[in-house]
Amino acid sequence: MDRLRIAGGRRLVGRVSISGAKNAALPLMAASLLSEKPLVLEHVPDLADIRSMGRLVEHLGAECRRDGDRLSLHVADLTTDHAPYDLVRRMRASILVLGPLLARGRRARVALPGGCAIGPRPIDLHLKGLAALGAEIELDAGDVVAVAPAGGLSGARIVFPKISVGATENLLMAAVLAAGETVIANAAREPEVVDLARCLV
């Protein structure tokens, strides 16, 4: 385990600029896929995962423009519903494009993601929640394939047996374009989930 050793005894003086949170920026970038209107994010950190998500949403149709810590995203049209393995393998957060693609385009094919070495984090809650909204889900050659009914997704009551930040985020985004009301019981309440919910309102 890595450790930080701090030699104290001196009064700390000065100012430190804190960047925005990666865990807040990634789902917001995925949320840009929901609308044809531009989305501007500020205080976005310049990290490998942010760049990876940028490449992924660009592949799906986004125009991304970075100016310092400001990131502008515009998805006039989805250009594909397929998020291939070579773009998603670098980070687990890439599964967050599943809900927006399905909600807006009625179909999504997303490779199962890779990412950090914290341990296995299955996406079964994501898939069960999307199925509750009416999607047909299947696994095909390492990809999740989700198809919405002809009339689109429909609101539902979804009860998580355990709290999941990623599943809460994915279902929030999918539910935004679903007909009717969706209730997520036992939803995650982390700051990044609150940020996403505020953006979606």
Protein backbone atom coordinates (compact mmCIF):
# COMPACT_ATOMS: atom_id res chain seq x y z
CA MET A 1 0.00 0.00 0.00
CA ASP A 2 1.29 3.49 -0.87
CA ARG A 3 1.82 5.91 2.00
CA LEU A 4 2.32 9.61 2.40
CA ARG A 5 4.78 10.62 5.08
CA ILE A 6 4.40 14.21 6.24
CA ALA A 7 7.07 15.92 8.32
CA GLY A 8 5.12 18.53 10.26
CA GLY A 9 6.06 21.17 12.77
CA ARG A 10 5.86 24.13 10.39
CA ARG A 11 2.89 26.43 9.93
CA LEU A 12 1.32 26.02 6.50
CA VAL A 13 0.89 29.20 4.48
CA GLY A 14 -0.28 29.79 0.92
CA ARG A 15 -3.01 29.01 -1.55
CA VAL A 16 -3.69 25.89 -3.55
CA SER A 17 -5.94 25.75 -6.60
CA ILE A 18 -8.12 22.65 -6.54
CA SER A 19 -9.28 21.17 -9.83
CA GLY A 20 -12.73 19.75 -10.37
CA ALA A 21 -13.49 16.12 -9.58
CA LYS A 22 -12.86 13.46 -12.20
CA ASN A 23 -15.71 11.37 -10.79
CA ALA A 24 -18.11 14.25 -11.41
CA ALA A 25 -16.78 15.13 -14.87
CA LEU A 26 -16.94 11.63 -16.40
CA PRO A 27 -20.72 11.05 -16.02
CA LEU A 28 -21.39 14.63 -17.10
CA MET A 29 -19.40 14.00 -20.28
CA ALA A 30 -21.50 10.87 -20.91
CA ALA A 31 -24.64 12.93 -20.29
CA SER A 32 -23.74 15.16 -23.24
CA LEU A 33 -24.92 12.28 -25.47
CA LEU A 34 -28.51 12.80 -24.31
CA SER A 35 -29.10 16.11 -26.08
CA GLU A 36 -28.38 17.91 -29.32
CA LYS A 37 -27.69 21.06 -27.28
CA PRO A 38 -24.15 22.03 -26.23
CA LEU A 39 -22.90 21.28 -22.73
CA VAL A 40 -20.11 23.33 -21.15
CA LEU A 41 -18.24 22.01 -18.12
CA GLU A 42 -15.83 24.11 -16.08
CA HIS A 43 -12.97 23.15 -13.74
CA VAL A 44 -12.49 19.85 -15.59
CA PRO A 45 -9.21 18.19 -14.58
CA ASP A 46 -6.72 17.26 -17.29
CA LEU A 47 -6.37 13.54 -16.58
CA ALA A 48 -5.99 10.37 -18.65
CA ASP A 49 -9.54 9.19 -17.86
CA ILE A 50 -10.98 12.53 -18.99
CA ARG A 51 -9.08 12.28 -22.27
CA SER A 52 -10.22 8.66 -22.71
CA MET A 53 -13.87 9.62 -22.16
CA GLY A 54 -13.38 12.50 -24.59
CA ARG A 55 -12.17 10.09 -27.28
CA LEU A 56 -15.12 7.81 -26.58
CA VAL A 57 -17.82 10.48 -26.83
CA GLU A 58 -16.12 11.89 -29.95
CA HIS A 59 -16.35 8.43 -31.51
CA LEU A 60 -20.08 8.45 -30.71
CA GLY A 61 -20.64 11.83 -32.35
CA ALA A 62 -19.53 14.54 -29.92
CA GLU A 63 -17.50 17.58 -30.82
CA CYS A 64 -15.19 18.24 -27.86
CA ARG A 65 -13.28 21.46 -27.38
CA ARG A 66 -11.01 22.17 -24.45
CA ASP A 67 -9.96 25.67 -23.38
CA GLY A 68 -7.94 25.54 -20.19
CA ASP A 69 -10.15 23.86 -17.60
CA ARG A 70 -13.31 24.45 -19.66
CA LEU A 71 -14.64 21.57 -21.76
CA SER A 72 -17.36 22.11 -24.37
CA LEU A 73 -19.26 19.12 -25.76
CA HIS A 74 -21.83 19.14 -28.55
CA VAL A 75 -23.58 16.05 -29.91
CA ALA A 76 -25.77 17.28 -32.77
CA ASP A 77 -26.31 13.66 -33.83
CA LEU A 78 -25.16 10.28 -32.60
CA THR A 79 -22.94 8.86 -35.34
CA THR A 80 -22.82 5.30 -34.02
CA ASP A 81 -24.33 3.23 -31.22
CA HIS A 82 -21.19 1.11 -30.77
CA ALA A 83 -18.58 1.81 -28.10
CA PRO A 84 -15.81 -0.65 -29.05
CA TYR A 85 -13.40 -2.37 -26.69
CA ASP A 86 -10.34 -0.41 -27.79
CA LEU A 87 -12.03 2.79 -26.55
CA VAL A 88 -13.63 1.46 -23.35
CA ARG A 89 -10.96 -0.92 -22.08
CA ARG A 90 -9.00 1.81 -20.32
CA MET A 91 -11.63 2.77 -17.74
CA ARG A 92 -14.69 1.40 -16.05
CA ALA A 93 -16.58 4.71 -16.31
CA SER A 94 -17.00 4.11 -20.04
CA ILE A 95 -20.05 1.94 -19.24
CA LEU A 96 -21.80 5.25 -18.46
CA VAL A 97 -22.42 5.83 -22.18
CA LEU A 98 -24.79 2.84 -22.20
CA GLY A 99 -27.80 4.63 -20.69
CA PRO A 100 -27.53 7.81 -22.79
CA LEU A 101 -27.00 5.89 -26.06
CA LEU A 102 -29.98 3.66 -25.34
CA ALA A 103 -32.23 6.53 -24.28
CA ARG A 104 -31.46 8.83 -27.22
CA GLY A 105 -30.71 6.36 -30.00
CA ARG A 106 -32.91 3.45 -28.81
CA ARG A 107 -29.95 1.05 -29.24
CA ALA A 108 -26.52 0.68 -27.69
CA ARG A 109 -23.65 -1.75 -28.06
CA VAL A 110 -20.96 -1.18 -25.45
CA ALA A 111 -17.95 -3.38 -24.84
CA LEU A 112 -17.48 -4.52 -21.26
CA PRO A 113 -15.06 -2.01 -19.71
CA GLY A 114 -11.66 -2.40 -18.11
CA GLY A 115 -10.05 0.19 -15.91
CA CYS A 116 -8.59 0.47 -12.45
CA ALA A 117 -7.38 -2.45 -10.36
CA ILE A 118 -9.67 -1.91 -7.38
CA GLY A 119 -11.32 -5.25 -8.01
CA PRO A 120 -14.30 -6.64 -9.88
CA ARG A 121 -17.31 -4.36 -10.09
CA PRO A 122 -20.03 -6.12 -12.06
CA ILE A 123 -22.57 -4.11 -14.02
CA ASP A 124 -25.57 -6.32 -13.28
CA LEU A 125 -27.42 -3.47 -11.53
CA HIS A 126 -27.01 -1.29 -14.62
CA LEU A 127 -28.46 -4.01 -16.85
CA LYS A 128 -31.33 -4.96 -14.54
CA GLY A 129 -32.28 -1.31 -14.19
CA LEU A 130 -32.29 -0.72 -17.94
CA ALA A 131 -34.37 -3.87 -18.39
CA ALA A 132 -36.87 -2.47 -15.87
CA LEU A 133 -37.17 0.60 -18.11
CA GLY A 134 -38.12 -1.72 -20.97
CA ALA A 135 -34.82 -2.47 -22.69
CA GLU A 136 -33.94 -5.87 -24.08
CA ILE A 137 -30.44 -6.76 -22.92
CA GLU A 138 -28.08 -9.43 -24.18
CA LEU A 139 -24.36 -10.12 -24.08
CA ASP A 140 -22.74 -10.74 -27.45
CA ALA A 141 -19.03 -11.38 -27.99
CA GLY A 142 -18.00 -9.34 -24.96
CA ASP A 143 -20.40 -6.49 -25.68
CA VAL A 144 -23.57 -5.42 -23.88
CA VAL A 145 -26.30 -4.97 -26.49
CA ALA A 146 -29.34 -3.00 -25.32
CA VAL A 147 -32.40 -2.23 -27.44
CA ALA A 148 -35.30 -0.02 -26.39
CA PRO A 149 -38.89 -0.78 -27.42
CA ALA A 150 -40.29 1.01 -30.48
CA GLY A 151 -41.93 3.63 -28.27
CA GLY A 152 -38.78 4.22 -26.23
CA LEU A 153 -38.03 3.54 -22.59
CA SER A 154 -40.73 3.83 -19.92
CA GLY A 155 -40.40 4.98 -16.33
CA ALA A 156 -40.32 2.35 -13.61
CA ARG A 157 -39.65 1.83 -9.91
CA ILE A 158 -36.17 0.36 -9.51
CA VAL A 159 -34.96 -0.98 -6.17
CA PHE A 160 -31.23 -1.56 -5.83
CA PRO A 161 -30.31 -4.44 -3.47
CA LYS A 162 -27.08 -2.55 -2.79
CA ILE A 163 -25.94 0.99 -3.49
CA SER A 164 -24.09 1.55 -6.76
CA VAL A 165 -22.82 4.94 -7.90
CA GLY A 166 -22.34 3.90 -11.53
CA ALA A 167 -25.73 2.18 -11.82
CA THR A 168 -27.45 5.18 -10.24
CA GLU A 169 -25.76 7.49 -12.75
CA ASN A 170 -26.52 5.29 -15.76
CA LEU A 171 -30.19 4.94 -14.83
CA LEU A 172 -30.58 8.64 -14.05
CA MET A 173 -29.40 9.41 -17.58
CA ALA A 174 -31.55 6.74 -19.22
CA ALA A 175 -34.62 7.83 -17.24
CA VAL A 176 -34.33 11.45 -18.39
CA LEU A 177 -35.66 10.51 -21.85
CA ALA A 178 -38.00 7.74 -20.66
CA ALA A 179 -41.75 8.30 -20.69
CA GLY A 180 -43.27 8.75 -17.24
CA GLU A 181 -41.68 8.82 -13.82
CA THR A 182 -38.76 6.72 -12.65
CA VAL A 183 -38.05 6.09 -8.96
CA ILE A 184 -34.68 4.68 -7.92
CA ALA A 185 -34.80 3.28 -4.39
CA ASN A 186 -31.53 2.81 -2.48
CA ALA A 187 -29.82 5.16 -4.95
CA ALA A 188 -26.28 6.41 -4.40
CA ARG A 189 -26.04 9.94 -2.98
CA GLU A 190 -22.38 10.78 -3.56
CA PRO A 191 -21.54 14.37 -4.60
CA GLU A 192 -20.93 13.31 -8.21
CA VAL A 193 -24.43 11.78 -8.37
CA VAL A 194 -25.91 15.02 -7.05
CA ASP A 195 -23.93 17.02 -9.63
CA LEU A 196 -25.24 14.81 -12.43
CA ALA A 197 -28.83 15.04 -11.21
CA ARG A 198 -28.61 18.84 -11.07
CA CYS A 199 -27.27 18.94 -14.62
CA LEU A 200 -30.05 16.69 -15.90
CA VAL A 201 -32.91 18.72 -14.38
